[in-house]
C-alpha cells in the first residue's frame, strides 16, 4: 500500500533543490528543505500519540511552517482540519469537540484561551506563530528529517473542512485523499501548469481555494510559489513581474484595477489569472480585459467538492459564467421539488458527481443522505442553469431564492440589472418578510467611488428591464456589503439587518 496524496504531491520531489516557496523577505524554501521540515513535524505528531485517522485542528496564521504542518499530516495519515483565524474561542470549541480532535495547533496569543478547551476534551495543545516560533517547531526541529510515510488509500480521509454554518450548525465535509488528488491533477492539466510556473499566492490556507487548489496544483505540477502572508495589493503589483499565475477572489481584481501602477506591462508576464470563491462581476471582467488584455478565468467549486467547473484555458471565457464541467465531473440542473433533470437554459438546483465529491458530512448521516444522493450526485444548494453551449451559470443559493406571491425570484438576475446602473459599484438582493406576499424584494446598493446613485432614478430606470413582480420594493444605499473571509456576501446578515425594511415605507 502507498499514500497516494503524499506520494503525488510531496514525495516525488524528494531531494529537489528547486525552490518551492519564495517568502516575502526574499528567502526561499526548497522542496527538499520543505519535506525535511514536514518530516520533523510528522515525527512530533506521532510521538504525541496521534495515529492514522486522528484529527488535528490548526488555527494559525499563514506561514511556510503552517503549510509544512499540512504536509506532515498527510504523511502521518492524520486528518487535517484548518480553521479560519477569525473564529472565536466559542466557535473553536464546537469544531474541536465535534471533530474529536486529538491535537490543537494555535497561535501563541490564543493558547491561554484554548487551554481549558483542550484539557476538557483531552486534546494536546501546541503553538505555532506566524514567524515560525512556538512549541510545535521548538519540539519538531530536533526530530529526524526523514519520516516513514504512513500507508493510506485513496478512500481514506485527508481533511475535514467545516462549512460556514450560515443556516444552522456547521457541517464537517469529509474529503478523501482521492478527492483532493483527482482535483489537483485535473486542474493542473486543464490550466496547463508546468514546473516553470510561479504562482503568486496571496490567499489564506485555511480554505479550499488557497490550500487544495492553489497549493496542491503547484505541488502536483512541480511549480513554485511566491508565498505572501496575506493579501497586499502593493506587494501583489510589485511581485507580479516575477510570477506566471495569480489565483484570487474578486476583491483581488477590483483592488488591482484601482492601483495606479497596475497596467498591461505589469501584467505581461502572467499567463493566467484565476478568480473564484465568490461571483466576479461581468463589469470587472470587461474592465480587466481592457486594462491588461487578459480575460480572467472564473471557475466554480465548493467546500464539499473542490472544483466542479472552469472556463477553458484555450477557448472562450464567458463573463458571468463559471465555464464548463471539468473532465470526469458531471453537472446537471434539476427541479428542487421532483429531482427531475431540467432542459438547457432552465433555472433549477445544481447537482454534481465525480471523483472530487466528498464522502459525506462528519457524524451527520441524515444530512449526508439528504444532500448526497445514492447515485453519487451531490445537491449543491446552488441555483443555476446550463446554456446551449454547456456553460454553467450560477444564479444564487437555494436558500437565497425569494418566493413572493407564489413567484420564484432569483436574486442574481436582479443584481445584474442593478450593477449595470450608473454610479453603482455592486448590489445584493434579498427577500424580506411581507404580510401579503410572504416575501418581497429589496436591493442593497453600494455606490461606486465618488458617485451618488439615486434609488428613485434607479427604480425608474429598471422598470422596463424587470417584470413588476421582480422589481425591488425598496432600494437602500449601504456603505459596503458584509463578506466572509473568502469575499462571499453574507446575505443571512443582510436578511436579519433589513428584515423590517418594508415596514418603514
Protein backbone atom coordinates (compact mmCIF):
# COMPACT_ATOMS: atom_id res chain seq x y z
CA UNK A 1 0.00 0.00 0.00
CA UNK A 2 1.07 3.60 -0.57
CA UNK A 3 -0.03 7.08 0.43
CA UNK A 4 -1.38 8.46 -2.87
CA UNK A 5 -1.73 12.10 -1.84
CA UNK A 6 1.70 12.33 -0.23
CA UNK A 7 3.37 10.35 -3.00
CA UNK A 8 1.99 12.50 -5.84
CA UNK A 9 2.16 15.91 -4.15
CA UNK A 10 5.22 15.67 -1.95
CA UNK A 11 7.40 12.54 -2.10
CA UNK A 12 8.07 12.84 -5.84
CA UNK A 13 10.06 16.00 -5.07
CA UNK A 14 12.39 14.36 -2.55
CA UNK A 15 15.89 15.79 -2.72
CA UNK A 16 14.98 18.58 -5.15
CA UNK A 17 16.90 21.81 -4.59
CA UNK A 18 14.39 23.77 -6.67
CA UNK A 19 12.54 26.45 -4.68
CA UNK A 20 9.01 25.54 -3.65
CA UNK A 21 8.43 28.80 -1.80
CA UNK A 22 9.76 32.30 -2.10
CA UNK A 23 8.93 34.23 1.07
CA UNK A 24 8.12 37.90 1.36
CA UNK A 25 11.60 38.68 2.75
CA UNK A 26 13.17 37.20 -0.38
CA UNK A 27 14.40 33.95 1.16
CA UNK A 28 13.47 30.66 -0.48
CA UNK A 29 12.49 27.23 0.81
CA UNK A 30 13.46 24.37 -1.47
CA UNK A 31 11.32 21.29 -1.99
CA UNK A 32 13.94 19.25 -0.10
CA UNK A 33 14.04 21.64 2.88
CA UNK A 34 10.23 21.77 2.98
CA UNK A 35 9.94 17.98 3.03
CA UNK A 36 12.55 17.74 5.80
CA UNK A 37 10.55 20.20 7.86
CA UNK A 38 7.32 18.26 7.24
CA UNK A 39 9.04 15.02 8.28
CA UNK A 40 10.17 16.59 11.56
CA UNK A 41 6.62 17.71 12.31
CA UNK A 42 5.27 14.27 11.38
CA UNK A 43 7.62 12.71 13.95
CA UNK A 44 6.29 15.10 16.58
CA UNK A 45 2.69 14.25 15.73
CA UNK A 46 3.21 10.52 16.06
CA UNK A 47 5.34 10.83 19.21
CA UNK A 48 2.48 12.89 20.69
CA UNK A 49 0.24 9.86 20.23
CA UNK A 50 -1.57 10.76 17.03
CA UNK A 51 -2.41 7.81 14.81
CA UNK A 52 -3.70 7.49 11.26
CA UNK A 53 -7.27 8.79 11.10
CA UNK A 54 -6.94 11.06 14.14
CA UNK A 55 -7.92 14.70 13.62
CA UNK A 56 -5.67 17.74 14.11
CA UNK A 57 -7.15 21.25 14.19
CA UNK A 58 -4.96 24.16 13.14
CA UNK A 59 -5.91 27.78 13.69
CA UNK A 60 -2.70 29.51 12.72
CA UNK A 61 -1.52 32.41 10.61
CA UNK A 62 -0.18 31.72 7.13
CA UNK A 63 3.48 30.68 7.10
CA UNK A 64 5.64 28.07 5.44
CA UNK A 65 5.68 26.15 8.73
CA UNK A 66 1.86 26.10 8.68
CA UNK A 67 1.99 24.67 5.17
CA UNK A 68 4.51 22.07 6.33
CA UNK A 69 2.06 21.08 9.07
CA UNK A 70 -0.45 20.19 6.35
CA UNK A 71 2.17 18.08 4.57
CA UNK A 72 3.11 16.39 7.85
CA UNK A 73 -0.50 15.42 8.49
CA UNK A 74 -0.76 13.85 5.03
CA UNK A 75 2.49 11.93 5.55
CA UNK A 76 1.43 10.70 9.01
CA UNK A 77 -2.12 9.84 7.91
CA UNK A 78 -3.60 12.44 10.27
CA UNK A 79 -6.79 14.19 9.15
CA UNK A 80 -6.07 17.90 8.72
CA UNK A 81 -8.67 20.41 9.93
CA UNK A 82 -7.67 24.02 9.13
CA UNK A 83 -9.75 26.72 10.79
CA UNK A 84 -10.37 30.37 9.96
CA UNK A 85 -8.13 32.59 12.07
CA UNK A 86 -11.12 34.85 12.74
CA UNK A 87 -13.07 32.19 14.68
CA UNK A 88 -13.68 32.92 18.36
CA UNK A 89 -12.92 30.54 21.22
CA UNK A 90 -16.62 29.68 21.46
CA UNK A 91 -16.72 28.72 17.77
CA UNK A 92 -13.49 26.76 18.10
CA UNK A 93 -14.95 24.82 20.99
CA UNK A 94 -17.63 23.46 18.67
CA UNK A 95 -15.23 22.48 15.89
CA UNK A 96 -12.77 20.82 18.24
CA UNK A 97 -15.43 18.94 20.17
CA UNK A 98 -17.41 17.90 17.08
CA UNK A 99 -14.33 16.66 15.22
CA UNK A 100 -12.90 14.84 18.23
CA UNK A 101 -9.53 16.44 17.51
CA UNK A 102 -6.58 14.86 19.32
CA UNK A 103 -4.32 17.89 18.85
CA UNK A 104 -4.90 21.64 18.62
CA UNK A 105 -2.30 23.88 16.99
CA UNK A 106 -2.90 27.58 17.54
CA UNK A 107 -1.18 30.95 17.68
CA UNK A 108 0.55 31.59 20.99
CA UNK A 109 -1.67 34.63 21.55
CA UNK A 110 -4.78 32.48 21.97
CA UNK A 111 -3.20 29.48 23.70
CA UNK A 112 -4.38 30.56 27.15
CA UNK A 113 -7.98 30.83 25.94
CA UNK A 114 -7.87 27.42 24.25
CA UNK A 115 -6.02 25.56 27.00
CA UNK A 116 -9.17 24.85 29.09
CA UNK A 117 -10.93 23.55 25.97
CA UNK A 118 -8.02 21.25 25.17
CA UNK A 119 -7.89 19.98 28.75
CA UNK A 120 -11.64 19.33 28.88
CA UNK A 121 -11.61 17.46 25.56
CA UNK A 122 -8.40 15.56 26.22
CA UNK A 123 -6.51 17.10 23.31
CA UNK A 124 -2.87 18.16 23.32
CA UNK A 125 -2.09 21.80 22.60
CA UNK A 126 0.82 23.18 20.56
CA UNK A 127 1.53 26.73 19.43
CA UNK A 128 2.73 27.99 16.05
CA UNK A 129 3.21 31.69 15.43
CA UNK A 130 3.46 33.38 12.05
CA UNK A 131 7.21 33.85 12.45
CA UNK A 132 7.70 30.12 12.98
CA UNK A 133 8.19 30.27 16.73
CA UNK A 134 6.13 28.32 19.24
CA UNK A 135 6.14 24.95 20.93
CA UNK A 136 5.38 22.98 17.76
CA UNK A 137 8.55 23.99 15.95
CA UNK A 138 10.68 24.05 19.11
CA UNK A 139 9.92 20.35 19.54
CA UNK A 140 9.89 19.43 15.85
CA UNK A 141 13.25 20.93 14.87
CA UNK A 142 15.18 18.37 16.94
CA UNK A 143 13.41 15.47 15.21
CA UNK A 144 14.86 13.41 12.33
CA UNK A 145 14.49 14.89 8.85
CA UNK A 146 13.12 11.69 7.35
CA UNK A 147 9.83 10.03 8.28
CA UNK A 148 8.43 6.64 7.21
CA UNK A 149 5.27 7.63 5.34
CA UNK A 150 2.12 6.05 6.77
CA UNK A 151 0.15 3.84 4.39
CA UNK A 152 -3.20 5.27 3.31
CA UNK A 153 -5.60 4.58 0.47
CA UNK A 154 -7.39 6.98 -1.85
CA UNK A 155 -10.58 6.37 0.16
CA UNK A 156 -9.05 7.40 3.49
CA UNK A 157 -9.84 10.84 4.87
CA UNK A 158 -7.21 13.51 4.30
CA UNK A 159 -9.06 16.60 5.51
CA UNK A 160 -12.13 17.77 7.37
CA UNK A 161 -13.42 21.21 6.37
CA UNK A 162 -16.33 22.86 8.12
CA UNK A 163 -18.91 24.77 6.12
CA UNK A 164 -19.82 28.31 7.11
CA UNK A 165 -22.95 27.33 9.01
CA UNK A 166 -24.98 30.35 7.90
CA UNK A 167 -28.24 28.39 8.03
CA UNK A 168 -27.57 26.27 11.09
CA UNK A 169 -24.92 24.10 12.65
CA UNK A 170 -21.64 23.97 10.73
CA UNK A 171 -21.07 20.68 8.92
CA UNK A 172 -17.73 18.93 8.58
CA UNK A 173 -17.13 17.92 4.97
CA UNK A 174 -15.07 14.72 4.78
CA UNK A 175 -12.53 14.93 1.95
CA UNK A 176 -10.60 11.84 0.96
CA UNK A 177 -7.11 11.55 -0.47
CA UNK A 178 -8.71 10.67 -3.79
CA UNK A 179 -10.96 13.74 -3.72
CA UNK A 180 -8.02 16.10 -3.28
CA UNK A 181 -5.61 14.33 -5.60
CA UNK A 182 -8.03 13.92 -8.51
CA UNK A 183 -8.95 17.60 -8.42
CA UNK A 184 -5.34 18.79 -8.23
CA UNK A 185 -4.30 16.63 -11.19
CA UNK A 186 -7.31 17.67 -13.26
CA UNK A 187 -6.80 21.39 -12.64
CA UNK A 188 -3.07 21.23 -13.31
CA UNK A 189 -3.80 19.66 -16.70
CA UNK A 190 -6.73 21.92 -17.59
CA UNK A 191 -4.86 25.10 -16.63
CA UNK A 192 -1.64 23.84 -18.26
CA UNK A 193 0.62 24.11 -15.22
CA UNK A 194 4.27 23.17 -15.70
CA UNK A 195 7.36 23.11 -13.47
CA UNK A 196 8.24 26.52 -14.93
CA UNK A 197 5.21 28.21 -13.40
CA UNK A 198 5.43 30.58 -10.45
CA UNK A 199 2.17 31.12 -8.58
CA UNK A 200 1.61 34.41 -6.77
CA UNK A 201 -0.04 33.03 -3.61
CA UNK A 202 -1.86 35.66 -1.54
CA UNK A 203 -4.81 33.53 -0.39
CA UNK A 204 -5.39 32.16 3.12
CA UNK A 205 -4.52 28.49 3.58
CA UNK A 206 -7.40 27.57 5.89
CA UNK A 207 -9.74 27.37 2.89
CA UNK A 208 -10.15 25.13 -0.17
CA UNK A 209 -9.05 27.84 -2.59
CA UNK A 210 -5.68 28.64 -1.05
CA UNK A 211 -4.82 25.14 0.18
CA UNK A 212 -6.40 22.50 -2.02
CA UNK A 213 -6.47 24.45 -5.27
CA UNK A 214 -3.53 26.88 -5.27
CA UNK A 215 -1.10 24.83 -3.20
CA UNK A 216 -1.99 21.35 -4.41
CA UNK A 217 -1.91 22.36 -8.08
CA UNK A 218 1.53 23.89 -7.56
CA UNK A 219 2.82 20.76 -5.84
CA UNK A 220 1.41 18.25 -8.29
CA UNK A 221 2.95 20.13 -11.23
CA UNK A 222 6.30 20.80 -9.57
CA UNK A 223 5.91 24.57 -9.86
CA UNK A 224 6.90 27.27 -7.35
CA UNK A 225 5.04 29.83 -5.23
CA UNK A 226 5.68 33.37 -4.10
CA UNK A 227 4.14 32.94 -0.66
CA UNK A 228 2.62 36.15 0.74
CA UNK A 229 1.37 36.12 4.37
CA UNK A 230 -1.80 37.95 3.34
CA UNK A 231 -3.30 39.95 0.50
CA UNK A 232 -1.49 43.25 -0.01
CA UNK A 233 -2.18 44.93 -3.34
CA UNK A 234 1.09 46.88 -3.33
CA UNK A 235 3.08 43.68 -2.81
CA UNK A 236 0.99 41.92 -5.44
CA UNK A 237 1.71 44.58 -8.05
CA UNK A 238 5.38 44.75 -7.10
CA UNK A 239 5.92 40.98 -7.36
CA UNK A 240 3.79 40.36 -10.43
CA UNK A 241 6.71 40.51 -12.91
CA UNK A 242 8.26 37.51 -11.11
CA UNK A 243 5.17 35.30 -11.44
CA UNK A 244 3.23 33.50 -14.17
CA UNK A 245 -0.11 32.77 -12.44
CA UNK A 246 -2.34 34.58 -9.96
CA UNK A 247 -5.26 32.94 -8.18
CA UNK A 248 -7.57 35.24 -6.27
CA UNK A 249 -11.04 36.26 -5.20
CA UNK A 250 -12.90 39.09 -6.98
CA UNK A 251 -11.61 41.62 -4.44
CA UNK A 252 -8.06 41.00 -5.71
CA UNK A 253 -9.06 42.12 -9.18
CA UNK A 254 -11.10 45.16 -8.18
CA UNK A 255 -8.21 46.34 -5.98
CA UNK A 256 -5.73 45.76 -8.80
CA UNK A 257 -7.88 47.84 -11.15
CA UNK A 258 -7.80 50.66 -8.58
CA UNK A 259 -3.99 50.54 -8.33
CA UNK A 260 -2.21 53.29 -10.30
CA UNK A 261 0.79 51.09 -11.20
CA UNK A 262 -1.22 48.13 -12.46
CA UNK A 263 -1.22 48.16 -16.25
CA UNK A 264 -0.74 45.98 -19.31
CA UNK A 265 3.04 45.99 -18.92
CA UNK A 266 2.90 44.98 -15.25
CA UNK A 267 0.63 42.02 -16.11
CA UNK A 268 2.50 40.98 -19.25
CA UNK A 269 4.36 38.08 -17.61
CA UNK A 270 1.24 36.49 -16.14
CA UNK A 271 -0.19 33.77 -18.37
CA UNK A 272 -3.26 33.05 -16.23
CA UNK A 273 -5.47 34.99 -13.84
CA UNK A 274 -7.98 32.79 -11.96
CA UNK A 275 -10.93 34.02 -9.88
CA UNK A 276 -13.22 32.09 -7.58
CA UNK A 277 -14.85 31.73 -4.14
CA UNK A 278 -17.35 34.50 -4.97
CA UNK A 279 -19.02 35.76 -8.16
CA UNK A 280 -16.95 38.03 -10.39
CA UNK A 281 -18.91 40.96 -11.75
CA UNK A 282 -19.10 40.96 -15.54
CA UNK A 283 -18.06 44.62 -15.41
CA UNK A 284 -14.84 43.67 -13.59
CA UNK A 285 -14.17 41.00 -16.20
CA UNK A 286 -14.53 43.55 -19.02
CA UNK A 287 -12.52 46.28 -17.28
CA UNK A 288 -9.69 43.85 -16.54
CA UNK A 289 -9.53 42.72 -20.16
CA UNK A 290 -9.48 46.33 -21.34
CA UNK A 291 -6.67 47.22 -18.93
CA UNK A 292 -4.43 44.18 -19.37
CA UNK A 293 -5.52 42.22 -22.42
CA UNK A 294 -6.14 39.23 -20.13
CA UNK A 295 -9.50 37.53 -19.66
CA UNK A 296 -9.88 36.31 -16.08
CA UNK A 297 -10.65 32.60 -15.85
CA UNK A 298 -13.58 32.05 -13.50
CA UNK A 299 -14.33 28.65 -12.03
CA UNK A 300 -16.82 27.12 -9.60
CA UNK A 301 -16.19 25.00 -6.55
CA UNK A 302 -17.38 24.26 -3.04
CA UNK A 303 -16.02 23.06 0.28
CA UNK A 304 -17.68 19.70 -0.35
CA UNK A 305 -16.47 19.23 -3.91
CA UNK A 306 -13.35 21.28 -4.57
CA UNK A 307 -13.64 22.48 -8.18
CA UNK A 308 -16.53 21.43 -10.44
CA UNK A 309 -16.32 23.66 -13.50
CA UNK A 310 -13.89 26.02 -15.18
CA UNK A 311 -13.89 28.39 -18.08
CA UNK A 312 -11.49 26.97 -20.69
CA UNK A 313 -7.82 27.80 -20.76
CA UNK A 314 -7.96 27.68 -24.54
CA UNK A 315 -11.34 28.89 -25.69
CA UNK A 316 -13.97 31.45 -24.80
CA UNK A 317 -14.01 32.60 -21.20
CA UNK A 318 -17.54 33.89 -20.83
CA UNK A 319 -18.09 36.69 -18.36
CA UNK A 320 -20.93 35.89 -15.97
CA UNK A 321 -20.45 32.13 -16.25
CA UNK A 322 -18.29 29.63 -14.37
CA UNK A 323 -17.46 27.70 -17.51
CA UNK A 324 -17.81 24.04 -18.41
CA UNK A 325 -17.77 20.90 -16.25
CA UNK A 326 -14.24 19.66 -15.58
CA UNK A 327 -13.23 16.32 -17.13
CA UNK A 328 -14.69 13.49 -15.07
CA UNK A 329 -17.21 15.79 -13.37
CA UNK A 330 -20.90 15.66 -14.25
CA UNK A 331 -23.12 18.70 -13.71
CA UNK A 332 -26.89 18.72 -14.08
CA UNK A 333 -29.73 21.09 -13.22
CA UNK A 334 -32.75 19.57 -11.53
CA UNK A 335 -36.18 20.56 -10.26
CA UNK A 336 -35.85 21.15 -6.48
CA UNK A 337 -39.26 19.58 -5.86
CA UNK A 338 -39.13 16.48 -8.05
CA UNK A 339 -35.43 15.96 -8.75
CA UNK A 340 -36.18 15.70 -12.46
CA UNK A 341 -33.47 16.87 -14.85
CA UNK A 342 -34.35 20.22 -16.44
CA UNK A 343 -33.68 21.27 -20.04
CA UNK A 344 -30.99 23.79 -21.03
CA UNK A 345 -31.46 27.42 -20.03
CA UNK A 346 -33.93 26.42 -17.31
CA UNK A 347 -33.16 27.51 -13.76
CA UNK A 348 -33.02 24.82 -11.10
CA UNK A 349 -30.75 23.36 -8.45
CA UNK A 350 -27.24 22.35 -9.47
CA UNK A 351 -26.08 18.80 -8.75
CA UNK A 352 -22.58 17.43 -9.34
CA UNK A 353 -20.97 13.99 -9.43
CA UNK A 354 -17.35 12.98 -9.80
CA UNK A 355 -14.18 11.85 -8.03
CA UNK A 356 -13.95 15.33 -6.47
CA UNK A 357 -17.18 14.97 -4.47
CA UNK A 358 -16.73 14.47 -0.74
CA UNK A 359 -17.60 11.35 1.25
CA UNK A 360 -20.28 13.00 3.38
CA UNK A 361 -20.71 15.12 6.50
CA UNK A 362 -18.84 14.15 9.64
CA UNK A 363 -21.18 12.38 12.09
CA UNK A 364 -24.26 13.63 10.21
CA UNK A 365 -25.68 10.61 8.36
CA UNK A 366 -29.14 12.18 7.94
CA UNK A 367 -27.73 15.39 6.48
CA UNK A 368 -25.46 13.36 4.23
CA UNK A 369 -28.38 11.28 2.97
CA UNK A 370 -30.41 14.44 2.30
CA UNK A 371 -27.73 16.11 0.17
CA UNK A 372 -25.68 13.25 -1.28
CA UNK A 373 -27.86 11.01 -3.44
CA UNK A 374 -27.41 7.27 -3.66
CA UNK A 375 -26.33 7.65 -7.29
CA UNK A 376 -23.42 9.86 -6.23
CA UNK A 377 -24.85 13.25 -7.20
CA UNK A 378 -24.39 15.99 -4.60
CA UNK A 379 -27.14 18.60 -4.27
CA UNK A 380 -25.03 21.74 -4.06
CA UNK A 381 -27.71 24.15 -2.85
CA UNK A 382 -26.79 26.49 -5.70
CA UNK A 383 -29.33 27.64 -8.25
CA UNK A 384 -28.30 27.97 -11.86
CA UNK A 385 -28.69 26.91 -15.43
CA UNK A 386 -26.68 25.37 -18.25
CA UNK A 387 -26.86 27.21 -21.55
CA UNK A 388 -27.00 25.78 -25.07
CA UNK A 389 -23.18 25.68 -25.26
CA UNK A 390 -22.76 23.86 -21.95
CA UNK A 391 -21.58 26.86 -19.90
CA UNK A 392 -22.81 26.85 -16.31
CA UNK A 393 -24.42 29.99 -14.85
CA UNK A 394 -24.73 30.38 -11.07
CA UNK A 395 -27.74 32.46 -10.04
CA UNK A 396 -27.50 32.20 -6.26
CA UNK A 397 -28.06 29.88 -3.36
CA UNK A 398 -31.28 27.89 -2.98
CA UNK A 399 -31.75 29.45 0.45
CA UNK A 400 -31.47 32.89 -1.21
CA UNK A 401 -34.37 32.16 -3.58
CA UNK A 402 -37.17 34.65 -3.00
CA UNK A 403 -40.76 33.41 -3.28
CA UNK A 404 -43.05 36.43 -3.48
CA UNK A 405 -46.77 35.97 -4.05
CA UNK A 406 -46.08 32.49 -5.42
CA UNK A 407 -43.46 33.68 -7.91
CA UNK A 408 -39.87 32.40 -7.81
CA UNK A 409 -37.41 35.29 -7.97
CA UNK A 410 -33.68 34.73 -8.49
CA UNK A 411 -31.61 37.49 -6.84
CA UNK A 412 -28.72 37.24 -9.29
CA UNK A 413 -30.94 38.26 -12.20
CA UNK A 414 -31.91 41.48 -10.41
CA UNK A 415 -28.37 42.13 -9.15
CA UNK A 416 -27.03 42.06 -12.71
CA UNK A 417 -29.52 44.77 -13.66
CA UNK A 418 -28.72 46.90 -10.61
CA UNK A 419 -24.95 46.52 -11.06
CA UNK A 420 -25.27 47.88 -14.59
CA UNK A 421 -26.82 51.17 -13.42
CA UNK A 422 -24.68 54.34 -13.47
CA UNK A 423 -22.93 55.03 -10.19
CA UNK A 424 -23.48 51.53 -8.77
CA UNK A 425 -20.40 49.55 -7.69
CA UNK A 426 -22.25 46.40 -6.59
CA UNK A 427 -25.54 45.24 -5.14
CA UNK A 428 -27.17 42.48 -3.13
CA UNK A 429 -30.81 41.48 -3.47
CA UNK A 430 -32.61 39.74 -0.61
CA UNK A 431 -36.10 38.71 0.36
CA UNK A 432 -37.67 40.15 3.50
CA UNK A 433 -40.97 39.32 5.21
CA UNK A 434 -44.14 40.81 3.73
CA UNK A 435 -47.61 40.50 5.23
CA UNK A 436 -49.43 39.82 1.96
CA UNK A 437 -46.79 38.33 -0.33
CA UNK A 438 -44.88 36.24 2.19
CA UNK A 439 -41.64 37.82 0.97
CA UNK A 440 -40.80 40.87 -1.04
CA UNK A 441 -37.65 42.07 -2.75
CA UNK A 442 -35.28 44.77 -1.52
CA UNK A 443 -31.96 45.77 -3.01
CA UNK A 444 -28.87 46.95 -1.14
CA UNK A 445 -26.65 49.17 -3.27
CA UNK A 446 -23.03 50.22 -2.80
CA UNK A 447 -22.08 53.39 -4.65
CA UNK A 448 -19.04 53.50 -6.91
CA UNK A 449 -16.23 55.72 -5.58
CA UNK A 450 -17.18 59.38 -5.89
CA UNK A 451 -20.70 58.57 -7.09
CA UNK A 452 -24.12 59.15 -5.51
CA UNK A 453 -26.69 57.00 -7.33
CA UNK A 454 -30.27 57.87 -6.55
CA UNK A 455 -32.55 54.95 -5.60
CA UNK A 456 -35.56 56.65 -7.19
CA UNK A 457 -33.78 57.15 -10.50
CA UNK A 458 -32.58 53.55 -10.49
CA UNK A 459 -36.07 52.24 -9.77
CA UNK A 460 -37.37 54.23 -12.71
CA UNK A 461 -34.58 53.02 -15.00
CA UNK A 462 -35.16 49.30 -14.34
CA UNK A 463 -38.91 49.31 -14.84
CA UNK A 464 -38.59 48.40 -18.49
CA UNK A 465 -35.99 45.70 -17.77
CA UNK A 466 -37.60 43.64 -15.00
CA UNK A 467 -41.11 42.26 -14.63
CA UNK A 468 -43.09 44.08 -11.98
CA UNK A 469 -43.00 41.19 -9.51
CA UNK A 470 -39.18 41.15 -9.69
CA UNK A 471 -38.70 44.85 -9.09
CA UNK A 472 -37.39 45.69 -5.61
CA UNK A 473 -39.95 47.10 -3.23
CA UNK A 474 -37.17 49.30 -1.91
CA UNK A 475 -33.56 50.20 -2.75
CA UNK A 476 -31.23 51.12 0.10
CA UNK A 477 -27.77 52.66 -0.16
CA UNK A 478 -25.23 50.97 2.13
CA UNK A 479 -21.52 51.74 2.60
CA UNK A 480 -20.46 48.13 1.96
CA UNK A 481 -21.74 44.56 1.86
CA UNK A 482 -20.81 42.14 4.65
CA UNK A 483 -18.45 39.43 3.42
CA UNK A 484 -16.82 36.35 4.86
CA UNK A 485 -13.11 35.55 4.67
CA UNK A 486 -13.42 34.41 1.05
CA UNK A 487 -15.29 37.55 -0.05
CA UNK A 488 -18.73 35.95 -0.33
CA UNK A 489 -21.58 38.32 0.51
CA UNK A 490 -23.26 37.16 3.73
CA UNK A 491 -26.91 37.53 2.83
CA UNK A 492 -28.02 35.95 6.09
CA UNK A 493 -26.63 39.03 7.86
CA UNK A 494 -28.41 41.33 5.43
CA UNK A 495 -31.72 39.50 5.85
CA UNK A 496 -31.52 39.92 9.61
CA UNK A 497 -30.41 43.55 9.40
CA UNK A 498 -33.13 44.62 6.96
CA UNK A 499 -35.96 42.24 7.94
CA UNK A 500 -38.21 45.19 8.85
CA UNK A 501 -37.23 47.39 5.91
CA UNK A 502 -40.58 47.25 4.11
CA UNK A 503 -42.47 48.23 7.24
CA UNK A 504 -40.93 51.70 7.13
CA UNK A 505 -42.38 52.70 3.77
